[in-house]
Amino acid sequence: MEPMYTILDEDSDSDTAKIRLDVDPYKGILYHYNTIQLGDEKEDGSVPLKYTYDIDFWPDSVDESHAKSAKLEKLMGDIVVAIIIEKENETRNNDTIISD
């Protein structure tokens, strides 16, 4: 399965890493998140994730009609959730448990 994105830490001139999208029709878009926060809890108990981002590079090969599309927004939301889960799992795996 083709990866959806690549994190480019070394290429970032912002406070957060740049993300390159690696799936069509968004392949080559480069962006970074500005803010990521939890929204207010909904009646069903779910808590939405809110984020802002900036596009750093939009390749000529990607149709500009995709800018601010619901599918692109969903992909970026899925990616930020995946990154958060991955980092949480890394933290848990690095924790040592001492037992008597």
Protein backbone atom coordinates (compact mmCIF):
# COMPACT_ATOMS: atom_id res chain seq x y z
CA MET A 1 0.00 0.00 0.00
CA GLU A 2 1.33 3.42 -0.98
CA PRO A 3 1.96 5.79 1.95
CA MET A 4 -0.45 8.74 2.12
CA TYR A 5 2.18 11.23 3.27
CA THR A 6 5.79 11.89 4.17
CA ILE A 7 6.94 14.04 7.10
CA LEU A 8 9.75 16.36 6.05
CA ASP A 9 11.21 17.64 9.35
CA GLU A 10 14.43 18.92 7.84
CA ASP A 11 12.68 21.08 5.22
CA SER A 12 10.53 23.07 7.63
CA ASP A 13 11.01 26.77 8.21
CA SER A 14 7.91 26.83 10.45
CA ASP A 15 7.40 25.59 14.01
CA THR A 16 5.92 22.34 12.72
CA ALA A 17 7.15 19.79 10.21
CA LYS A 18 6.08 20.00 6.62
CA ILE A 19 3.94 17.21 5.22
CA ARG A 20 4.10 16.08 1.60
CA LEU A 21 1.03 14.33 0.24
CA ASP A 22 1.94 11.17 -1.63
CA VAL A 23 -1.45 10.10 -3.03
CA ASP A 24 -3.33 11.15 -6.12
CA PRO A 25 -4.93 13.53 -6.88
CA TYR A 26 -2.98 15.55 -4.26
CA LYS A 27 0.49 14.11 -4.87
CA GLY A 28 3.21 16.67 -4.23
CA ILE A 29 1.23 19.19 -2.15
CA LEU A 30 3.42 20.41 0.70
CA TYR A 31 1.83 21.92 3.81
CA HIS A 32 2.24 22.34 7.55
CA TYR A 33 -0.15 22.54 10.47
CA ASN A 34 -0.28 25.80 12.41
CA THR A 35 -2.57 24.86 15.28
CA ILE A 36 -4.13 21.61 16.41
CA GLN A 37 -6.66 21.53 19.23
CA LEU A 38 -9.64 19.64 20.53
CA GLY A 39 -13.05 21.21 20.01
CA ASP A 40 -16.01 21.11 22.37
CA GLU A 41 -17.53 17.73 23.17
CA LYS A 42 -20.61 16.94 21.10
CA GLU A 43 -23.85 15.45 22.42
CA ASP A 44 -22.79 12.01 21.17
CA GLY A 45 -19.61 12.19 23.27
CA SER A 46 -17.25 12.70 20.35
CA VAL A 47 -14.69 15.50 20.43
CA PRO A 48 -13.79 17.07 17.09
CA LEU A 49 -10.22 17.86 16.21
CA LYS A 50 -9.69 21.38 14.92
CA TYR A 51 -6.63 22.41 12.96
CA THR A 52 -5.32 25.17 10.76
CA TYR A 53 -2.68 24.80 8.11
CA ASP A 54 -0.78 26.62 5.38
CA ILE A 55 -0.04 25.26 1.93
CA ASP A 56 3.70 25.67 1.27
CA PHE A 57 3.79 24.27 -2.25
CA TRP A 58 1.09 23.46 -4.80
CA PRO A 59 2.47 21.52 -7.77
CA ASP A 60 1.35 22.46 -11.27
CA SER A 61 0.26 18.84 -11.76
CA VAL A 62 -2.49 19.19 -9.10
CA ASP A 63 -5.69 20.86 -10.25
CA GLU A 64 -6.40 23.95 -8.17
CA SER A 65 -10.05 22.91 -7.87
CA HIS A 66 -8.86 20.61 -5.06
CA ALA A 67 -7.86 23.58 -2.89
CA LYS A 68 -10.07 23.75 0.20
CA SER A 69 -12.08 20.71 -1.00
CA ALA A 70 -13.84 18.55 1.58
CA LYS A 71 -11.83 15.50 0.46
CA LEU A 72 -8.51 17.31 0.89
CA GLU A 73 -9.60 18.62 4.31
CA LYS A 74 -10.60 15.08 5.35
CA LEU A 75 -7.27 13.68 4.19
CA MET A 76 -5.38 16.31 6.19
CA GLY A 77 -7.54 15.52 9.22
CA ASP A 78 -6.89 11.80 8.84
CA ILE A 79 -3.15 12.49 8.60
CA VAL A 80 -2.99 14.63 11.74
CA VAL A 81 -4.89 11.92 13.65
CA ALA A 82 -2.49 9.26 12.32
CA ILE A 83 0.51 11.34 13.38
CA ILE A 84 -0.92 11.89 16.87
CA ILE A 85 -1.64 8.16 17.30
CA GLU A 86 1.82 7.22 16.00
CA LYS A 87 3.54 9.63 18.42
CA GLU A 88 1.40 8.40 21.32
CA ASN A 89 2.32 4.79 20.51
CA GLU A 90 6.02 5.74 20.35
CA THR A 91 5.73 7.40 23.76
CA ARG A 92 4.03 4.34 25.25
CA ASN A 93 6.64 2.00 23.77
CA ASN A 94 9.46 4.14 25.19
CA ASP A 95 8.00 4.16 28.70
CA THR A 96 9.59 1.62 31.00
CA ILE A 97 7.52 -0.24 33.54
CA ILE A 98 9.24 -1.13 36.78
CA SER A 99 7.64 -3.85 38.83
CA ASP A 100 8.61 -5.39 42.16
